[in-house]
Protein backbone atom coordinates (compact mmCIF):
# COMPACT_ATOMS: atom_id res chain seq x y z
CA UNK A 1 204.10 -6.34 -43.51
CA UNK A 2 201.18 -6.07 -45.83
CA UNK A 3 199.49 -9.59 -44.79
CA UNK A 4 196.08 -10.29 -46.47
CA UNK A 5 194.79 -6.55 -47.58
CA UNK A 6 196.01 -5.28 -44.45
CA UNK A 7 199.47 -3.59 -42.72
CA UNK A 8 200.19 -5.91 -40.08
CA UNK A 9 202.60 -5.49 -37.03
CA UNK A 10 205.44 -8.59 -37.69
CA UNK A 11 206.16 -11.65 -34.93
CA UNK A 12 209.51 -9.99 -36.00
CA UNK A 13 212.87 -11.56 -34.94
CA UNK A 14 214.66 -8.55 -35.05
CA UNK A 15 214.31 -5.31 -37.04
CA UNK A 16 216.81 -3.41 -39.76
CA UNK A 17 217.68 -0.36 -41.00
CA UNK A 18 218.59 0.85 -44.66
CA UNK A 19 221.63 2.98 -45.38
CA UNK A 20 221.93 5.94 -47.55
CA UNK A 21 224.86 4.10 -49.64
CA UNK A 22 225.97 8.69 -50.52
CA UNK A 23 226.58 8.88 -47.11
CA UNK A 24 226.51 5.42 -45.45
CA UNK A 25 224.42 6.30 -42.71
CA UNK A 26 221.55 4.83 -41.19
CA UNK A 27 218.13 5.78 -42.43
CA UNK A 28 215.56 6.42 -39.56
CA UNK A 29 212.82 3.25 -40.33
CA UNK A 30 212.84 0.60 -38.84
CA UNK A 31 212.09 -2.49 -41.07
CA UNK A 32 211.12 -6.35 -39.15
CA UNK A 33 213.05 -9.20 -39.74
CA UNK A 34 210.08 -11.85 -40.04
CA UNK A 35 209.47 -15.06 -38.36
CA UNK A 36 208.12 -18.03 -39.65
CA UNK A 37 204.74 -16.85 -38.84
CA UNK A 38 204.50 -13.95 -40.34
CA UNK A 39 205.41 -16.48 -43.56
CA UNK A 40 202.56 -18.62 -42.78
CA UNK A 41 200.22 -16.00 -42.86
CA UNK A 42 200.93 -14.92 -46.18
CA UNK A 43 201.03 -17.92 -47.70
CA UNK A 44 197.58 -19.23 -45.69
CA UNK A 45 196.26 -15.50 -47.27
CA UNK A 46 197.94 -16.30 -50.55
CA UNK A 47 196.20 -19.46 -50.92
CA UNK A 48 192.64 -18.37 -50.33
CA UNK A 49 193.31 -15.21 -52.62
CA UNK A 50 194.47 -18.09 -55.60
CA UNK A 51 191.34 -20.02 -55.46
CA UNK A 52 189.42 -16.99 -56.35
CA UNK A 53 191.35 -15.52 -58.89
CA UNK A 54 191.62 -18.35 -60.66
CA UNK A 55 187.25 -18.10 -61.00
CA UNK A 56 187.96 -14.55 -62.33
CA UNK A 57 188.32 -13.12 -65.74
CA UNK A 58 191.29 -12.04 -67.35
CA UNK A 59 190.69 -8.69 -67.70
CA UNK A 60 190.25 -8.19 -64.09
CA UNK A 61 194.04 -9.02 -63.61
CA UNK A 62 194.60 -6.97 -66.47
CA UNK A 63 192.93 -4.14 -64.96
CA UNK A 64 194.89 -3.96 -61.78
CA UNK A 65 198.05 -4.09 -63.68
CA UNK A 66 197.04 -0.99 -65.78
CA UNK A 67 195.91 1.25 -62.57
CA UNK A 68 198.82 0.28 -60.69
CA UNK A 69 201.05 1.25 -63.28
CA UNK A 70 198.97 4.79 -63.39
CA UNK A 71 199.33 4.93 -59.52
CA UNK A 72 203.11 4.40 -60.20
CA UNK A 73 203.18 7.48 -62.54
CA UNK A 74 200.97 9.36 -60.36
CA UNK A 75 203.50 9.31 -57.57
CA UNK A 76 206.83 8.76 -59.18
CA UNK A 77 208.44 12.22 -57.89
CA UNK A 78 208.00 10.39 -53.96
CA UNK A 79 208.93 7.19 -55.72
CA UNK A 80 211.93 8.03 -57.36
CA UNK A 81 212.90 10.43 -54.57
CA UNK A 82 213.38 7.50 -52.06
CA UNK A 83 214.94 4.78 -54.63
CA UNK A 84 217.51 7.47 -54.85
CA UNK A 85 218.22 7.53 -50.53
CA UNK A 86 217.93 3.79 -50.74
CA UNK A 87 219.91 3.21 -53.57
CA UNK A 88 222.34 5.72 -54.21
CA UNK A 89 221.45 5.60 -58.10
CA UNK A 90 220.97 9.28 -59.96
CA UNK A 91 217.62 10.32 -59.91
CA UNK A 92 218.29 11.76 -63.44
CA UNK A 93 218.27 10.44 -65.97
CA UNK A 94 218.29 6.70 -64.37
CA UNK A 95 215.32 6.27 -62.28
CA UNK A 96 213.05 9.29 -63.23
CA UNK A 97 213.66 8.83 -67.16
CA UNK A 98 214.61 5.25 -67.55
CA UNK A 99 213.96 2.53 -64.58
CA UNK A 100 210.05 4.15 -63.60
CA UNK A 101 209.38 4.40 -66.90
CA UNK A 102 210.34 0.76 -68.11
CA UNK A 103 208.83 -0.36 -64.84
CA UNK A 104 205.29 1.37 -65.96
CA UNK A 105 205.60 -0.25 -69.50
CA UNK A 106 206.11 -3.98 -68.19
CA UNK A 107 203.32 -3.68 -66.19
CA UNK A 108 201.41 -2.35 -69.02
CA UNK A 109 202.84 -4.94 -71.57
CA UNK A 110 201.86 -7.64 -69.14
CA UNK A 111 198.22 -6.39 -68.58
CA UNK A 112 197.88 -6.41 -72.78
CA UNK A 113 198.91 -10.02 -72.62
CA UNK A 114 196.84 -10.93 -70.01
CA UNK A 115 193.87 -9.58 -71.20
CA UNK A 116 194.07 -10.79 -75.09
CA UNK A 117 195.04 -14.27 -74.00
CA UNK A 118 197.72 -16.00 -76.79
CA UNK A 119 200.66 -16.24 -74.28
CA UNK A 120 198.35 -19.06 -72.78
CA UNK A 121 198.85 -21.42 -75.93
CA UNK A 122 195.51 -22.45 -76.49
CA UNK A 123 195.67 -25.73 -78.29
CA UNK A 124 192.50 -27.55 -79.51
CA UNK A 125 192.37 -31.21 -81.69
CA UNK A 126 188.59 -31.29 -82.91
CA UNK A 127 189.05 -34.68 -84.29
CA UNK A 128 189.51 -35.72 -80.53
CA UNK A 129 187.90 -33.12 -78.38
CA UNK A 130 191.20 -32.80 -76.58
CA UNK A 131 192.19 -29.25 -75.76
CA UNK A 132 194.71 -27.35 -73.91
CA UNK A 133 196.04 -24.14 -72.84
CA UNK A 134 198.95 -22.58 -70.07
CA UNK A 135 196.63 -21.81 -66.65
CA UNK A 136 197.91 -19.83 -63.34
CA UNK A 137 199.50 -22.14 -61.19
CA UNK A 138 199.47 -20.86 -57.91
CA UNK A 139 200.70 -18.00 -55.19
CA UNK A 140 204.20 -16.84 -56.26
CA UNK A 141 207.12 -15.51 -53.92
CA UNK A 142 209.30 -12.51 -55.58
CA UNK A 143 212.94 -12.15 -54.04
CA UNK A 144 214.04 -8.68 -55.28
CA UNK A 145 217.61 -7.90 -56.13
CA UNK A 146 219.44 -4.83 -54.97
CA UNK A 147 220.50 -3.30 -58.08
CA UNK A 148 216.94 -2.42 -59.30
CA UNK A 149 214.59 -1.46 -56.91
CA UNK A 150 211.84 -0.59 -59.51
CA UNK A 151 211.87 -2.22 -62.40
CA UNK A 152 213.16 -5.75 -61.19
CA UNK A 153 212.02 -5.32 -57.79
CA UNK A 154 209.88 -8.03 -55.76
CA UNK A 155 206.30 -5.55 -55.50
CA UNK A 156 207.01 -4.00 -58.95
CA UNK A 157 209.59 -5.43 -61.55
CA UNK A 158 209.03 -8.26 -64.46
CA UNK A 159 208.78 -11.05 -62.67
CA UNK A 160 205.95 -9.63 -59.84
CA UNK A 161 204.30 -8.39 -63.39
CA UNK A 162 204.56 -11.61 -65.14
CA UNK A 163 203.22 -13.75 -61.91
CA UNK A 164 200.07 -11.48 -61.97
CA UNK A 165 199.63 -11.28 -65.42
CA UNK A 166 199.81 -15.04 -65.48
CA UNK A 167 196.92 -15.22 -62.83
CA UNK A 168 198.81 -15.84 -59.34
CA UNK A 169 199.03 -14.03 -56.32
CA UNK A 170 202.43 -12.96 -55.36
CA UNK A 171 203.91 -12.74 -52.20
CA UNK A 172 206.89 -9.94 -52.55
CA UNK A 173 209.80 -10.29 -50.39
CA UNK A 174 211.56 -6.92 -50.77
CA UNK A 175 215.69 -6.30 -50.75
CA UNK A 176 216.56 -5.44 -47.94
CA UNK A 177 218.87 -2.05 -49.03
CA UNK A 178 215.49 -0.81 -49.77
CA UNK A 179 212.58 -1.52 -47.84
CA UNK A 180 210.90 2.28 -47.79
CA UNK A 181 210.59 1.90 -51.24
CA UNK A 182 208.89 -1.51 -51.38
CA UNK A 183 206.64 -0.22 -48.92
CA UNK A 184 205.91 2.76 -51.09
CA UNK A 185 205.07 0.51 -54.38
CA UNK A 186 203.22 -1.61 -52.39
CA UNK A 187 201.07 0.76 -51.24
CA UNK A 188 199.67 2.08 -54.88
CA UNK A 189 199.69 -1.91 -55.31
CA UNK A 190 197.30 -2.49 -52.96
CA UNK A 191 195.06 0.71 -54.45
CA UNK A 192 195.24 -0.89 -57.68
CA UNK A 193 193.72 -4.58 -56.20
CA UNK A 194 191.11 -2.80 -54.48
CA UNK A 195 189.74 -0.54 -57.09
CA UNK A 196 190.19 -4.04 -59.74
CA UNK A 197 188.22 -6.07 -57.19
CA UNK A 198 191.19 -8.55 -56.71
CA UNK A 199 191.38 -10.75 -53.35
CA UNK A 200 193.21 -8.58 -50.60
CA UNK A 201 195.79 -10.76 -50.51
CA UNK A 202 196.64 -10.70 -54.44
CA UNK A 203 199.82 -8.56 -53.31
CA UNK A 204 201.30 -9.04 -49.95
CA UNK A 205 204.93 -7.79 -49.19
CA UNK A 206 207.60 -8.96 -46.56
CA UNK A 207 210.59 -7.07 -46.04
CA UNK A 208 213.47 -9.50 -44.81
CA UNK A 209 213.48 -13.35 -43.68
CA UNK A 210 215.99 -15.72 -41.67
CA UNK A 211 217.84 -17.39 -44.26
CA UNK A 212 216.04 -21.21 -42.88
CA UNK A 213 212.76 -19.06 -43.10
CA UNK A 214 213.50 -18.79 -46.73
CA UNK A 215 214.25 -21.82 -47.79
CA UNK A 216 211.22 -22.97 -45.72
CA UNK A 217 208.81 -20.46 -47.69
CA UNK A 218 210.12 -21.87 -51.42
CA UNK A 219 209.76 -25.43 -50.04
CA UNK A 220 206.30 -24.93 -48.55
CA UNK A 221 203.26 -27.21 -50.00
CA UNK A 222 201.13 -23.79 -50.54
CA UNK A 223 203.62 -22.02 -52.42
CA UNK A 224 203.62 -23.10 -56.52
CA UNK A 225 206.79 -21.16 -57.60
CA UNK A 226 209.70 -18.91 -56.34
CA UNK A 227 211.49 -16.22 -58.67
CA UNK A 228 215.03 -14.71 -57.10
CA UNK A 229 217.42 -12.61 -58.48
CA UNK A 230 220.52 -12.11 -56.66
CA UNK A 231 223.65 -13.76 -55.30
CA UNK A 232 224.85 -17.14 -56.39
CA UNK A 233 224.94 -18.46 -53.01
CA UNK A 234 222.19 -17.51 -51.65
CA UNK A 235 220.32 -18.84 -54.53
CA UNK A 236 221.65 -22.37 -54.39
CA UNK A 237 220.68 -22.23 -51.34
CA UNK A 238 217.10 -21.89 -52.01
CA UNK A 239 217.05 -24.13 -54.93
CA UNK A 240 218.06 -26.76 -53.01
CA UNK A 241 215.32 -26.59 -50.34
CA UNK A 242 213.16 -26.00 -53.11
CA UNK A 243 214.52 -28.83 -55.67
CA UNK A 244 213.88 -31.29 -52.41
CA UNK A 245 210.06 -30.21 -52.08
CA UNK A 246 209.67 -30.74 -56.04
CA UNK A 247 209.06 -26.75 -56.11
CA UNK A 248 209.84 -24.35 -59.25
CA UNK A 249 212.46 -21.96 -58.69
CA UNK A 250 213.32 -19.49 -60.97
CA UNK A 251 216.92 -17.90 -60.63
CA UNK A 252 219.28 -15.24 -61.40
CA UNK A 253 222.64 -15.81 -60.48
CA UNK A 254 225.93 -14.66 -61.80
CA UNK A 255 227.24 -13.75 -64.96
CA UNK A 256 230.51 -12.35 -66.39
CA UNK A 257 229.02 -11.63 -70.32
CA UNK A 258 232.28 -12.40 -72.29
CA UNK A 259 232.85 -9.68 -74.80
CA UNK A 260 235.11 -11.09 -77.98
CA UNK A 261 236.58 -8.13 -80.02
CA UNK A 262 238.57 -8.99 -82.92
CA UNK A 263 241.49 -7.24 -84.89
CA UNK A 264 239.27 -6.13 -87.71
CA UNK A 265 236.84 -3.78 -85.73
CA UNK A 266 239.40 -2.53 -83.47
CA UNK A 267 241.57 -1.49 -87.01
CA UNK A 268 238.15 -0.07 -88.13
CA UNK A 269 236.39 1.71 -84.88
CA UNK A 270 238.79 0.74 -81.95
CA UNK A 271 238.45 4.02 -80.26
CA UNK A 272 234.85 4.10 -80.41
CA UNK A 273 234.52 0.17 -79.13
CA UNK A 274 236.94 1.33 -76.41
CA UNK A 275 234.16 4.42 -75.56
CA UNK A 276 231.41 2.09 -75.70
CA UNK A 277 233.38 -0.45 -73.20
CA UNK A 278 233.87 1.90 -70.47
CA UNK A 279 230.20 3.19 -71.06
CA UNK A 280 229.01 -0.19 -70.45
CA UNK A 281 231.19 -1.87 -67.86
CA UNK A 282 231.32 1.40 -65.27
CA UNK A 283 227.75 2.18 -66.16
CA UNK A 284 225.80 2.54 -62.51
CA UNK A 285 229.27 1.37 -60.75
CA UNK A 286 229.39 -1.83 -62.89
CA UNK A 287 225.82 -3.09 -61.15
CA UNK A 288 224.34 -4.48 -63.78
CA UNK A 289 223.80 -8.15 -64.59
CA UNK A 290 224.87 -7.42 -67.61
CA UNK A 291 227.64 -5.71 -67.24
CA UNK A 292 230.83 -6.76 -69.08
CA UNK A 293 233.23 -8.23 -66.74
CA UNK A 294 235.25 -10.51 -69.56
CA UNK A 295 236.74 -9.10 -72.63
CA UNK A 296 238.75 -11.33 -74.95
CA UNK A 297 241.37 -9.66 -77.50
CA UNK A 298 243.53 -11.28 -80.11
CA UNK A 299 247.47 -9.84 -79.37
CA UNK A 300 248.52 -7.10 -81.85
CA UNK A 301 249.28 -3.44 -81.55
CA UNK A 302 245.58 -2.62 -82.30
CA UNK A 303 244.44 -4.81 -78.86
CA UNK A 304 247.74 -3.18 -76.79
CA UNK A 305 246.23 1.02 -78.13
CA UNK A 306 242.62 -0.91 -76.78
CA UNK A 307 244.10 -1.60 -73.66
CA UNK A 308 245.77 1.73 -73.28
CA UNK A 309 242.80 4.05 -74.11
CA UNK A 310 240.50 1.71 -71.84
CA UNK A 311 243.17 1.89 -69.28
CA UNK A 312 243.20 6.04 -69.23
CA UNK A 313 239.34 5.92 -69.13
CA UNK A 314 238.94 3.77 -66.21
CA UNK A 315 241.72 5.70 -64.14
CA UNK A 316 239.99 9.26 -65.28
CA UNK A 317 236.19 8.23 -64.91
CA UNK A 318 234.95 8.71 -61.50
CA UNK A 319 234.03 5.65 -59.33
CA UNK A 320 230.28 4.95 -59.49
CA UNK A 321 228.29 4.87 -56.72
CA UNK A 322 228.43 1.41 -54.88
CA UNK A 323 224.37 0.44 -53.14
CA UNK A 324 226.35 -1.55 -49.70
CA UNK A 325 228.93 -2.34 -47.86
CA UNK A 326 228.16 -5.38 -48.34
CA UNK A 327 228.37 -5.21 -52.59
CA UNK A 328 232.47 -3.67 -51.79
CA UNK A 329 233.63 -6.11 -49.76
CA UNK A 330 232.04 -8.88 -52.13
CA UNK A 331 233.72 -6.55 -55.08
CA UNK A 332 237.09 -6.50 -53.60
CA UNK A 333 236.95 -10.31 -52.65
CA UNK A 334 236.62 -10.62 -55.99
CA UNK A 335 239.66 -8.33 -56.99
CA UNK A 336 241.90 -10.38 -54.77
CA UNK A 337 240.72 -13.64 -56.22
CA UNK A 338 241.55 -12.54 -59.80
CA UNK A 339 244.76 -11.04 -58.82
CA UNK A 340 245.96 -14.58 -56.47
CA UNK A 341 244.95 -16.54 -59.97
CA UNK A 342 247.46 -14.24 -61.80
CA UNK A 343 245.20 -11.14 -63.53
CA UNK A 344 247.60 -8.13 -63.47
CA UNK A 345 246.28 -4.26 -62.75
CA UNK A 346 246.15 -2.86 -65.96
CA UNK A 347 244.51 0.48 -64.94
CA UNK A 348 243.04 1.17 -61.14
CA UNK A 349 241.42 4.80 -60.40
CA UNK A 350 240.46 6.16 -56.60
CA UNK A 351 237.74 5.68 -55.00
CA UNK A 352 235.11 8.90 -54.79
CA UNK A 353 236.44 11.47 -52.12
CA UNK A 354 232.96 12.23 -50.04
CA UNK A 355 231.81 9.55 -47.92
CA UNK A 356 229.78 6.43 -48.95
CA UNK A 357 230.13 3.33 -50.50
CA UNK A 358 232.74 3.04 -53.54
CA UNK A 359 235.82 1.43 -55.27
CA UNK A 360 238.35 2.00 -57.63
CA UNK A 361 237.44 1.43 -61.07
CA UNK A 362 239.32 -1.62 -62.06
CA UNK A 363 241.04 -3.25 -65.05
CA UNK A 364 242.91 -6.14 -65.08
CA UNK A 365 244.35 -8.45 -67.58
CA UNK A 366 246.29 -12.26 -68.10
CA UNK A 367 246.86 -14.03 -70.83
CA UNK A 368 244.63 -16.91 -72.12
CA UNK A 369 247.27 -19.50 -71.69
CA UNK A 370 247.51 -18.59 -67.92
CA UNK A 371 243.40 -18.04 -68.30
CA UNK A 372 242.63 -21.32 -70.05
CA UNK A 373 245.08 -22.67 -66.66
CA UNK A 374 242.70 -21.43 -64.04
CA UNK A 375 239.48 -21.04 -66.07
CA UNK A 376 237.25 -21.11 -63.06
CA UNK A 377 239.43 -19.01 -60.60
CA UNK A 378 239.41 -16.32 -63.52
CA UNK A 379 235.41 -16.34 -64.23
CA UNK A 380 234.90 -15.18 -60.70
CA UNK A 381 232.21 -12.48 -61.15
CA UNK A 382 233.32 -8.92 -60.00
CA UNK A 383 229.81 -7.26 -59.56
CA UNK A 384 230.96 -3.34 -59.67
CA UNK A 385 232.99 -1.47 -61.34
CA UNK A 386 236.12 -4.14 -62.68
CA UNK A 387 236.40 -5.83 -65.78
CA UNK A 388 239.00 -8.46 -66.84
CA UNK A 389 240.68 -8.47 -69.93
CA UNK A 390 242.14 -11.69 -71.37
CA UNK A 391 244.80 -11.45 -74.87
CA UNK A 392 244.45 -14.45 -77.24
CA UNK A 393 247.66 -15.43 -79.70
CA UNK A 394 245.18 -16.38 -82.13
CA UNK A 395 241.51 -16.96 -82.68
CA UNK A 396 241.85 -20.45 -82.43
CA UNK A 397 243.36 -19.88 -78.55
CA UNK A 398 240.07 -16.96 -78.24
CA UNK A 399 237.48 -20.29 -78.97
CA UNK A 400 239.54 -21.93 -76.64
CA UNK A 401 238.60 -19.70 -73.92
CA UNK A 402 235.12 -19.03 -74.93
CA UNK A 403 234.58 -22.90 -74.51
CA UNK A 404 235.86 -23.08 -70.97
CA UNK A 405 232.96 -20.64 -69.79
CA UNK A 406 230.31 -21.26 -68.05
CA UNK A 407 226.45 -20.12 -68.90
CA UNK A 408 225.96 -16.60 -69.19
CA UNK A 409 223.36 -14.31 -69.83
CA UNK A 410 224.59 -12.59 -72.35
CA UNK A 411 228.11 -12.92 -75.22
CA UNK A 412 228.92 -10.01 -77.36
CA UNK A 413 231.18 -10.28 -81.22
CA UNK A 414 232.75 -7.53 -82.31
CA UNK A 415 233.86 -7.94 -86.18
CA UNK A 416 234.90 -5.94 -88.81
CA UNK A 417 231.89 -4.31 -91.02
CA UNK A 418 234.06 -5.39 -94.44
CA UNK A 419 233.85 -9.16 -93.39
CA UNK A 420 237.51 -9.69 -93.05
CA UNK A 421 237.36 -11.31 -89.24
CA UNK A 422 234.26 -13.83 -90.67
CA UNK A 423 236.77 -17.01 -90.38
CA UNK A 424 237.78 -15.64 -86.63
CA UNK A 425 233.79 -14.97 -86.08
CA UNK A 426 232.02 -18.24 -87.36
CA UNK A 427 234.93 -20.08 -84.73
CA UNK A 428 234.04 -18.25 -81.75
CA UNK A 429 230.37 -17.98 -82.60
CA UNK A 430 230.23 -21.81 -82.61
CA UNK A 431 231.55 -21.79 -79.36
CA UNK A 432 230.03 -18.55 -77.47
CA UNK A 433 226.29 -19.07 -78.85
CA UNK A 434 224.99 -22.25 -76.73
CA UNK A 435 226.90 -20.60 -73.51
CA UNK A 436 224.85 -17.17 -73.56
CA UNK A 437 220.82 -16.63 -73.55
CA UNK A 438 221.36 -13.56 -75.60
CA UNK A 439 224.21 -12.75 -78.43
CA UNK A 440 224.55 -9.53 -79.56
CA UNK A 441 227.02 -7.98 -82.14
CA UNK A 442 228.74 -4.89 -82.48
CA UNK A 443 226.94 -3.51 -78.74
CA UNK A 444 227.54 -4.07 -76.07
CA UNK A 445 225.32 -5.84 -73.57
CA UNK A 446 223.89 -3.70 -70.63
CA UNK A 447 220.40 -2.87 -72.15
CA UNK A 448 217.83 -5.35 -71.85
CA UNK A 449 214.70 -4.34 -73.95
CA UNK A 450 211.03 -5.40 -72.93
CA UNK A 451 210.78 -7.00 -75.79
CA UNK A 452 208.64 -10.12 -76.76
CA UNK A 453 211.72 -11.71 -78.69
CA UNK A 454 214.53 -10.59 -75.63
CA UNK A 455 215.69 -13.79 -73.75
CA UNK A 456 216.72 -12.60 -70.13
CA UNK A 457 218.09 -15.79 -69.12
CA UNK A 458 220.85 -18.30 -70.07
CA UNK A 459 222.27 -21.65 -69.11
CA UNK A 460 223.67 -22.19 -65.33
CA UNK A 461 225.05 -20.41 -63.81
CA UNK A 462 223.33 -17.56 -64.76
CA UNK A 463 219.91 -18.62 -64.48
CA UNK A 464 218.62 -21.78 -62.89
CA UNK A 465 216.72 -23.37 -66.31
CA UNK A 466 217.78 -22.02 -69.75
CA UNK A 467 214.51 -22.42 -70.97
CA UNK A 468 212.88 -19.52 -69.89
CA UNK A 469 213.44 -15.68 -69.63
CA UNK A 470 213.06 -13.31 -67.05
CA UNK A 471 212.50 -10.59 -69.35
CA UNK A 472 210.03 -10.38 -72.45
CA UNK A 473 206.57 -10.61 -72.61
CA UNK A 474 204.45 -13.20 -72.96
CA UNK A 475 207.59 -15.62 -72.78
CA UNK A 476 207.87 -14.50 -68.97
CA UNK A 477 204.28 -15.35 -68.42
CA UNK A 478 205.02 -18.68 -69.11
CA UNK A 479 207.21 -19.72 -66.13
CA UNK A 480 204.51 -19.28 -63.83
CA UNK A 481 202.35 -21.52 -65.39
CA UNK A 482 200.70 -25.20 -65.70
CA UNK A 483 199.62 -26.99 -68.78
CA UNK A 484 195.86 -27.83 -68.42
CA UNK A 485 194.37 -30.51 -70.77
CA UNK A 486 190.65 -31.13 -71.19
CA UNK A 487 189.71 -34.54 -72.99
CA UNK A 488 185.89 -34.31 -74.08
CA UNK A 489 185.16 -31.82 -71.80
CA UNK A 490 181.61 -30.29 -73.05
CA UNK A 491 181.64 -27.15 -74.15
CA UNK A 492 179.64 -25.18 -71.45
CA UNK A 493 182.34 -26.43 -68.79
CA UNK A 494 185.52 -25.40 -70.96
CA UNK A 495 187.46 -22.51 -69.98
CA UNK A 496 186.20 -19.31 -73.05
CA UNK A 497 189.35 -19.75 -74.53
CA UNK A 498 189.24 -23.42 -75.28
CA UNK A 499 185.61 -23.37 -76.51
CA UNK A 500 184.89 -23.82 -80.15
CA UNK A 501 184.31 -19.66 -80.30
CA UNK A 502 186.78 -16.93 -79.75
CA UNK A 503 185.24 -14.02 -78.66
CA UNK A 504 188.79 -12.77 -77.74
CA UNK A 505 190.60 -13.37 -81.14
CA UNK A 506 193.12 -15.03 -79.06
CA UNK A 507 196.03 -16.75 -81.50
CA UNK A 508 195.07 -20.72 -81.04
CA UNK A 509 196.34 -23.75 -82.93
CA UNK A 510 193.27 -25.51 -84.13
CA UNK A 511 194.22 -28.73 -85.76
CA UNK A 512 197.63 -27.60 -86.56
CA UNK A 513 197.06 -24.54 -88.06
CA UNK A 514 197.75 -21.05 -85.71
CA UNK A 515 194.45 -19.19 -86.44
CA UNK A 516 192.81 -16.60 -84.53
């Protein structure tokens, strides 16, 4: 493991091996399942590192993030080749042309935000001589997900970049599906840490923990916050432990990302929307947190034609590669739950003929009336290449379906360009808007841009708190900060951003006015 700047042996409770999802065969490298002693060493080192980092200029952390981004670019071919073997995701375009450039870009965006400083929201009341800003909070543990080994990875992704840019050391808990990819990234990060002169324990790496040690980690007094992306069950176990200890934890858990397609839109461009939906639903084997898992339609000839076209596409397109046998079994269980609740098959493709992990492309349908009788069961997340169509008899019934939904990351409404769906849109949008973090019009939700205005978050159970985003700089940095207030503190004792001079030209609120 990477502990306090050195690769050290683990006091392992056992070992594990990743598998190649394209063949199902175990990969040769062995990785440790850490005991608590490993966690304790990492926490102690992170605690020491934070004391040093809290006294360093933001530019030094920005130098690390920029240097790390450059190091990733220099080792791009090795990284994407390994990520491909461990995830089954295609090298091109997914890993080399999309995910790796996104990873590098968000590291550089985080560096720019750290260097400039406006994310801290400096606020000055000159009359009372009271000043405040957002400061680093302390060591952060990042639990990486299965589906994005680079852009959301524990030692390279958005949570990692945000926590570091906010001035905090990170303990990365790799996902067990791609441990060697995490090791490669941590090796490059360690070189960038040394080059920037940061404490050795700025970035540390653990591969796998027993569940009870994960719970103990997120509740430890030396840890300030955690970020977790993964299953609802695992995330909620960690949340209970963190909440009991009064510790911050940010969760991305579950989302079916409802899409409502109104009749006018289908009449104008139904075939085009069917193509867009199938591309989004089946992309990457459906293993996206923003995968459109629920589509609401209004009964009619256009909707039936849409369903027939989508069914043909689901049956004709190859089943995507799934990343593990656990994802396959979880998807099978979710589809069984939906069927048991009353959903019927609209289309079912075939598994890939070669070895490896896959599941048939599965399209289910149910009436809105039946959905409303068992809304919890029909909102079971089928993580993978499966979606549920809900057919409502009217816009009013469709709005009732939307009003029964849990919180989601995204929600989308397709409507007629000519304005013919305006009344139905207004009725449904009123119900959908408070239930989703990001509302889309006339586009599928799969893409998540690293934009300052992006919200990759939402009401529970999409995330643990609707106020925060995991994507979008500078907002994502604020999760890993605390508000510090200085009352009557002398100029030479204030942090530079709160002194009367403003050499960094950061945006500050001074006596109620934002200025540079």
